[in-house]
Every structure is written in structure tokens, then in C-alpha cells.
Amino acid sequence: MKVLLVNGSSHEKGCTYTALCEVAKALNENGVETEIFQLGKAQVSGCKGCWACKKIKKCVVDDAVNEFVAKAAEFDGFVFGSPVYYASASGALVSLMDRAFYSGGRSFAFKPAAAVVSCRRAGASTTFDVINKYFTMNNMPIVSSNYWNEIHGNTAEEALQDTEGLQTMRILGNNMAWLLKCMQAGKEAGIAPITEKKIFTNFIRG
């Protein structure tokens, strides 16, 4: 079993990275392999809404998004981490997730996922909500902890002083490992999710 952790911060080893490492440590101790996908300062364009990805099965803009979607297919679970920018996730992470989930949702469906948020002071709960919405629209079980998955600090060193936040991350890692093992046992027993073809409607009536 493997979990891909996405660092949506432009700071390679800042607060978000510190939180993700604590989650990864717990996963590793449970026998789950981990890898951190560093978004960093990569230039990620927003979705153009062209729908071409539905025909060619990948985004027409060839940047970190297509690399990420291809990699994601090999993993069993995901953790998306972001710092708080104006009470929301980083623009780069939002652009990545917009395009990755639309063009490559098949790489994520029915796999457990979690959001991790770092902030200096406030805005964590709204950022947490933004990221979680991607999971709820793609048949992904959301992994929880004993509190909202947030850590506080302005630097990595300060984040390491947030003992409650660090515990939240460890419990999140343990819970994800447990859920992955339960799902694996279900697969071995022949249990699979029931699916339906998506129905698209709008609210316009003739």
C-alpha cells in the first residue's frame, strides 16, 4: 500500500511539509509506503474549461498536473496539504486539483484521502473545507483524525511546537493506514463499490 502526500506550499520544507512528514511517519510505522509530491514553485495554470481532457484522457496543458495524475494512478491513498492564503488553499494547489480531478478523476476515485492545513493563526477551517470538497465529488472516503487536520506556526520550527497539531497528524496517519488495510481486506473478500453512470442535469426548465 502506498500513499502520496502533496505539499501545496511554495516553501519546500515549511509548516505544511512538517505536518505531512508527521502523517507520513505514522503511515510508515504501519507498513504503508509514502512519497511527498512537492508542488513548490511550479507554474500551474488554471483550468481552461475546454473539455478536451474528456477526449484525450489528459489535460491539454502539459505541466505538473499530467505528471501528478500519471503518478497518482499508482497510489492507494492521498493527503493534500496547503498553507492558508486568504482563508483558502494555495492558488497552485487549487489549480492542480481543479485540473487533476477533472482530467484524471479515475486515478483518485474510491481511494481514501485527507486534507492537511497549516496556518499562522486563522483560516484553517475554511481551507480544510475547500480541499475536502474535491474528495466528496469523486467517491473518495475522507479520512479524519481526532480534530480538524491543522497545524499552527509561522515557521517549521514553530509548527514542531504545536504538540496537539502534531498528534492530530499522527492520528490521521494511523487512521488512514487502518482504513487502507480494511479496504484491502474487503477487496480480498470480493467486496467492491457499486457504481452508476453519472447523470448530468441543470436547473433550467423549458
Protein backbone atom coordinates (compact mmCIF):
# COMPACT_ATOMS: atom_id res chain seq x y z
CA MET A 1 0.00 0.00 0.00
CA LYS A 2 1.23 3.47 -0.91
CA VAL A 3 0.08 6.98 -0.03
CA LEU A 4 1.00 10.10 -1.99
CA LEU A 5 1.26 13.29 0.06
CA VAL A 6 1.04 16.59 -1.85
CA ASN A 7 2.81 19.65 -0.50
CA GLY A 8 0.90 22.59 -1.94
CA SER A 9 3.21 25.15 -0.35
CA SER A 10 5.85 27.10 -2.24
CA HIS A 11 8.13 26.54 0.76
CA GLU A 12 9.68 23.14 0.28
CA LYS A 13 10.25 22.39 3.97
CA GLY A 14 7.94 24.77 5.82
CA CYS A 15 4.95 24.20 8.08
CA THR A 16 2.89 22.19 5.58
CA TYR A 17 5.83 19.89 4.89
CA THR A 18 6.34 19.44 8.63
CA ALA A 19 2.72 18.36 9.07
CA LEU A 20 2.86 15.99 6.09
CA CYS A 21 6.05 14.39 7.43
CA GLU A 22 4.29 13.61 10.72
CA VAL A 23 1.46 11.92 8.80
CA ALA A 24 3.98 10.02 6.66
CA LYS A 25 5.88 8.84 9.73
CA ALA A 26 2.73 7.29 11.20
CA LEU A 27 1.88 5.65 7.89
CA ASN A 28 5.38 4.20 7.58
CA GLU A 29 5.17 2.77 11.09
CA ASN A 30 2.01 0.97 9.95
CA GLY A 31 3.81 -0.57 6.97
CA VAL A 32 2.45 1.90 4.38
CA GLU A 33 4.88 3.39 1.85
CA THR A 34 4.79 7.15 1.32
CA GLU A 35 6.04 9.75 -1.11
CA ILE A 36 5.78 13.54 -0.99
CA PHE A 37 4.90 15.30 -4.24
CA GLN A 38 6.45 18.75 -3.95
CA LEU A 39 4.43 21.29 -5.90
CA GLY A 40 6.78 24.04 -4.81
CA LYS A 41 7.18 26.99 -7.15
CA ALA A 42 5.94 25.13 -10.23
CA GLN A 43 3.79 27.24 -12.53
CA VAL A 44 0.42 25.52 -12.64
CA SER A 45 -2.20 27.03 -14.93
CA GLY A 46 -5.86 27.16 -14.05
CA CYS A 47 -8.45 25.03 -15.84
CA LYS A 48 -9.47 26.42 -19.23
CA GLY A 49 -12.82 24.64 -19.21
CA CYS A 50 -12.18 23.35 -22.74
CA TRP A 51 -13.29 19.76 -22.01
CA ALA A 52 -10.55 18.41 -24.30
CA CYS A 53 -9.35 16.14 -21.48
CA LYS A 54 -12.51 14.07 -21.84
CA LYS A 55 -11.37 13.12 -25.34
CA ILE A 56 -7.60 12.76 -24.95
CA LYS A 57 -7.73 11.48 -21.32
CA LYS A 58 -5.28 14.08 -20.04
CA CYS A 59 -5.06 17.85 -19.72
CA VAL A 60 -4.11 19.79 -22.86
CA VAL A 61 -1.78 21.95 -20.76
CA ASP A 62 1.29 19.78 -20.27
CA ASP A 63 2.72 20.77 -16.90
CA ALA A 64 2.95 19.28 -13.39
CA VAL A 65 -0.71 18.26 -13.49
CA ASN A 66 -0.31 15.48 -16.06
CA GLU A 67 2.80 14.25 -14.23
CA PHE A 68 0.83 14.18 -10.99
CA VAL A 69 -2.19 12.36 -12.44
CA ALA A 70 0.04 9.68 -14.01
CA LYS A 71 1.82 9.18 -10.70
CA ALA A 72 -1.43 9.15 -8.71
CA ALA A 73 -2.67 6.07 -10.55
CA GLU A 74 0.00 4.03 -8.75
CA PHE A 75 -1.10 5.06 -5.24
CA ASP A 76 -3.79 3.79 -2.88
CA GLY A 77 -4.45 6.95 -0.86
CA PHE A 78 -3.74 10.68 -0.79
CA VAL A 79 -3.06 13.56 1.57
CA PHE A 80 -3.29 17.07 0.14
CA GLY A 81 -1.57 19.75 2.21
CA SER A 82 -1.74 23.52 1.91
CA PRO A 83 -0.88 26.66 3.81
CA VAL A 84 -3.69 29.17 4.36
CA TYR A 85 -3.77 32.00 1.84
CA TYR A 86 -6.62 34.47 2.43
CA ALA A 87 -8.67 31.80 4.25
CA SER A 88 -8.27 29.34 1.37
CA ALA A 89 -5.83 26.86 -0.12
CA SER A 90 -2.83 28.00 -2.14
CA GLY A 91 -3.63 29.02 -5.71
CA ALA A 92 -1.19 26.46 -7.11
CA LEU A 93 -2.84 23.60 -5.20
CA VAL A 94 -6.34 24.69 -6.23
CA SER A 95 -5.28 24.84 -9.89
CA LEU A 96 -3.62 21.43 -9.59
CA MET A 97 -6.68 19.84 -8.00
CA ASP A 98 -9.16 21.53 -10.38
CA ARG A 99 -7.42 20.08 -13.40
CA ALA A 100 -6.23 16.80 -11.92
CA PHE A 101 -9.64 15.79 -10.62
CA TYR A 102 -11.40 16.84 -13.81
CA SER A 103 -8.98 15.31 -16.29
CA GLY A 104 -7.85 12.32 -14.22
CA GLY A 105 -10.54 11.59 -11.66
CA ARG A 106 -10.18 7.88 -12.41
CA SER A 107 -6.79 7.95 -10.67
CA PHE A 108 -8.42 9.07 -7.41
CA ALA A 109 -11.90 7.54 -7.28
CA PHE A 110 -12.65 5.18 -4.38
CA LYS A 111 -9.28 5.84 -2.75
CA PRO A 112 -9.13 7.37 0.74
CA ALA A 113 -7.96 10.96 1.04
CA ALA A 114 -7.35 13.64 3.62
CA ALA A 115 -6.69 17.37 3.73
CA VAL A 116 -3.94 18.88 5.89
CA VAL A 117 -3.74 22.61 6.55
CA SER A 118 -1.07 24.81 8.10
CA CYS A 119 -1.67 28.36 9.24
CA ARG A 120 -0.17 31.07 11.36
CA ARG A 121 -3.43 31.99 13.08
CA ALA A 122 -6.82 31.69 11.34
CA GLY A 123 -8.47 30.45 8.14
CA ALA A 124 -7.70 26.78 8.66
CA SER A 125 -11.30 25.51 8.76
CA THR A 126 -12.31 27.23 5.51
CA THR A 127 -9.19 25.96 3.74
CA PHE A 128 -9.88 22.47 5.09
CA ASP A 129 -13.40 22.68 3.64
CA VAL A 130 -12.15 23.80 0.21
CA ILE A 131 -9.84 20.80 -0.17
CA ASN A 132 -12.33 18.25 1.18
CA LYS A 133 -14.91 19.18 -1.46
CA TYR A 134 -12.78 17.57 -4.17
CA PHE A 135 -12.99 14.24 -2.36
CA THR A 136 -16.74 14.37 -1.84
CA MET A 137 -17.30 14.82 -5.58
CA ASN A 138 -15.14 11.88 -6.58
CA ASN A 139 -16.30 8.91 -4.48
CA MET A 140 -13.33 9.18 -2.12
CA PRO A 141 -13.61 8.13 1.55
CA ILE A 142 -12.41 11.04 3.70
CA VAL A 143 -10.01 10.13 6.49
CA SER A 144 -10.39 12.04 9.74
CA SER A 145 -8.42 12.49 12.93
CA ASN A 146 -9.45 13.50 16.48
CA TYR A 147 -9.66 17.18 15.39
CA TRP A 148 -9.54 19.15 12.16
CA ASN A 149 -6.31 18.32 10.35
CA GLU A 150 -4.49 21.58 11.04
CA ILE A 151 -1.18 22.66 12.45
CA HIS A 152 -0.19 26.15 13.59
CA GLY A 153 3.01 28.09 13.19
CA ASN A 154 4.75 30.64 11.03
CA THR A 155 7.86 28.50 10.54
CA ALA A 156 8.63 24.79 10.56
CA GLU A 157 10.26 25.25 13.97
CA GLU A 158 7.09 26.82 15.36
CA ALA A 159 4.93 24.06 13.84
CA LEU A 160 7.02 21.50 15.72
CA GLN A 161 5.96 23.22 18.95
CA ASP A 162 2.27 22.60 18.21
CA THR A 163 2.06 19.31 20.08
CA GLU A 164 -1.70 19.00 19.60
CA GLY A 165 -1.36 19.61 15.87
CA LEU A 166 1.40 17.02 15.61
CA GLN A 167 -0.76 14.48 17.44
CA THR A 168 -3.63 15.24 15.05
CA MET A 169 -1.30 14.39 12.15
CA ARG A 170 -0.11 11.14 13.74
CA ILE A 171 -3.67 10.00 14.41
CA LEU A 172 -4.59 10.91 10.85
CA GLY A 173 -1.76 8.70 9.56
CA ASN A 174 -2.81 5.83 11.83
CA ASN A 175 -6.45 6.16 10.76
CA MET A 176 -5.54 6.19 7.06
CA ALA A 177 -3.40 3.09 7.48
CA TRP A 178 -6.26 1.34 9.27
CA LEU A 179 -8.76 2.28 6.54
CA LEU A 180 -6.39 1.16 3.78
CA LYS A 181 -5.99 -2.23 5.46
CA CYS A 182 -9.77 -2.55 5.86
CA MET A 183 -10.28 -1.74 2.19
CA GLN A 184 -7.61 -4.22 1.17
CA ALA A 185 -9.33 -6.92 3.23
CA GLY A 186 -12.60 -6.03 1.54
CA LYS A 187 -11.05 -6.37 -1.91
CA GLU A 188 -9.65 -9.76 -1.00
CA ALA A 189 -13.14 -10.80 0.11
CA GLY A 190 -14.57 -9.72 -3.23
CA ILE A 191 -16.28 -6.59 -1.92
CA ALA A 192 -16.34 -3.70 -4.39
CA PRO A 193 -18.23 -0.38 -4.54
CA ILE A 194 -21.46 -0.21 -6.52
CA THR A 195 -21.20 2.36 -9.29
CA GLU A 196 -23.60 4.17 -11.61
CA LYS A 197 -23.03 6.24 -14.72
CA LYS A 198 -23.07 9.94 -13.84
CA ILE A 199 -26.29 11.82 -14.57
CA PHE A 200 -25.86 15.48 -15.54
CA THR A 201 -28.76 17.90 -15.08
CA ASN A 202 -29.23 21.61 -14.62
CA PHE A 203 -31.94 23.80 -13.17
CA ILE A 204 -33.24 25.22 -16.47
CA ARG A 205 -36.77 24.15 -17.31
CA GLY A 206 -38.44 24.74 -20.69
